[in-house]
Amino acid sequence: MANIKSAKKRILVNRTKADRNKAIKSGVKTSVKKVTAAIAANDKEAASAALVAATATIDKAAKKGVLHKNTASRKVSRLAQAGHKMA
């Protein structure tokens, strides 16, 4: 354990940020699973609604710096491509 006050604060801040990042990444994964489940069920309306929600979630994660912008773009692109193949 750290002895210096600033090092103790860094530990607390890093833990808080890690928890926040973990929650955001979990939300992204959940939204992606909803899209893939709707595509697998061949439900076009649910898939398009889930795709819009997933895109927003992924973009917010990229904006907050949890995901790299290229990673976010790749995820959105692949989900959209899978949705269009279903149609």
Protein backbone atom coordinates (compact mmCIF):
# COMPACT_ATOMS: atom_id res chain seq x y z
CA MET A 1 0.00 0.00 0.00
CA ALA A 2 1.18 3.50 -0.79
CA ASN A 3 2.42 5.79 1.96
CA ILE A 4 2.31 9.10 0.11
CA LYS A 5 -1.00 10.98 0.17
CA SER A 6 -1.05 11.64 -3.58
CA ALA A 7 -0.35 7.98 -4.32
CA LYS A 8 -3.25 6.95 -2.08
CA LYS A 9 -5.51 9.35 -3.95
CA ARG A 10 -4.32 7.95 -7.30
CA ILE A 11 -5.26 4.45 -6.15
CA LEU A 12 -8.77 5.60 -5.24
CA VAL A 13 -9.22 7.60 -8.44
CA ASN A 14 -7.97 4.73 -10.60
CA ARG A 15 -10.34 2.32 -8.88
CA THR A 16 -13.28 4.69 -9.48
CA LYS A 17 -12.38 5.15 -13.14
CA ALA A 18 -11.91 1.40 -13.62
CA ASP A 19 -15.37 0.74 -12.19
CA ARG A 20 -16.88 3.37 -14.49
CA ASN A 21 -15.09 1.97 -17.54
CA LYS A 22 -16.17 -1.56 -16.61
CA ALA A 23 -19.81 -0.47 -16.38
CA ILE A 24 -19.66 1.30 -19.74
CA LYS A 25 -17.99 -1.68 -21.45
CA SER A 26 -20.59 -3.99 -19.95
CA GLY A 27 -23.36 -1.79 -21.34
CA VAL A 28 -21.78 -1.90 -24.78
CA LYS A 29 -21.56 -5.69 -24.66
CA THR A 30 -25.18 -5.97 -23.54
CA SER A 31 -26.43 -3.72 -26.34
CA VAL A 32 -24.42 -5.68 -28.92
CA LYS A 33 -25.90 -8.94 -27.60
CA LYS A 34 -29.41 -7.52 -27.95
CA VAL A 35 -28.75 -6.70 -31.60
CA THR A 36 -27.27 -10.10 -32.38
CA ALA A 37 -30.14 -11.86 -30.59
CA ALA A 38 -32.70 -9.90 -32.60
CA ILE A 39 -30.85 -10.71 -35.83
CA ALA A 40 -30.69 -14.39 -34.88
CA ALA A 41 -34.43 -14.36 -34.16
CA ASN A 42 -34.98 -12.72 -37.59
CA ASP A 43 -36.98 -9.90 -35.97
CA LYS A 44 -36.37 -6.94 -38.27
CA GLU A 45 -38.11 -4.26 -36.17
CA ALA A 46 -36.43 -5.28 -32.92
CA ALA A 47 -33.06 -5.53 -34.66
CA SER A 48 -33.29 -2.03 -36.12
CA ALA A 49 -34.38 -0.55 -32.77
CA ALA A 50 -31.61 -2.41 -30.94
CA LEU A 51 -29.11 -1.29 -33.58
CA VAL A 52 -29.97 2.37 -33.00
CA ALA A 53 -29.61 1.92 -29.24
CA ALA A 54 -26.35 -0.01 -29.60
CA THR A 55 -24.90 2.62 -31.92
CA ALA A 56 -25.68 5.34 -29.39
CA THR A 57 -24.14 3.31 -26.56
CA ILE A 58 -20.98 2.57 -28.54
CA ASP A 59 -20.60 6.19 -29.64
CA LYS A 60 -20.97 7.41 -26.05
CA ALA A 61 -18.31 4.93 -24.92
CA ALA A 62 -15.96 6.22 -27.61
CA LYS A 63 -16.68 9.82 -26.70
CA LYS A 64 -15.85 9.12 -23.05
CA GLY A 65 -12.60 7.43 -24.05
CA VAL A 66 -13.54 3.95 -22.91
CA LEU A 67 -13.33 2.63 -26.48
CA HIS A 68 -10.98 3.88 -29.18
CA LYS A 69 -12.83 5.69 -31.97
CA ASN A 70 -11.74 3.14 -34.57
CA THR A 71 -12.88 0.26 -32.39
CA ALA A 72 -16.25 1.92 -31.93
CA SER A 73 -16.54 2.56 -35.65
CA ARG A 74 -15.66 -1.05 -36.43
CA LYS A 75 -18.26 -2.38 -33.98
CA VAL A 76 -21.00 -0.13 -35.38
CA SER A 77 -20.07 -1.04 -38.94
CA ARG A 78 -20.16 -4.77 -38.29
CA LEU A 79 -23.50 -4.57 -36.49
CA ALA A 80 -25.01 -2.50 -39.30
CA GLN A 81 -23.65 -4.88 -41.88
CA ALA A 82 -25.16 -7.87 -40.06
CA GLY A 83 -28.49 -6.04 -39.83
CA HIS A 84 -28.53 -5.27 -43.54
CA LYS A 85 -27.66 -8.86 -44.45
CA MET A 86 -30.73 -10.00 -42.53
CA ALA A 87 -33.04 -7.80 -44.61
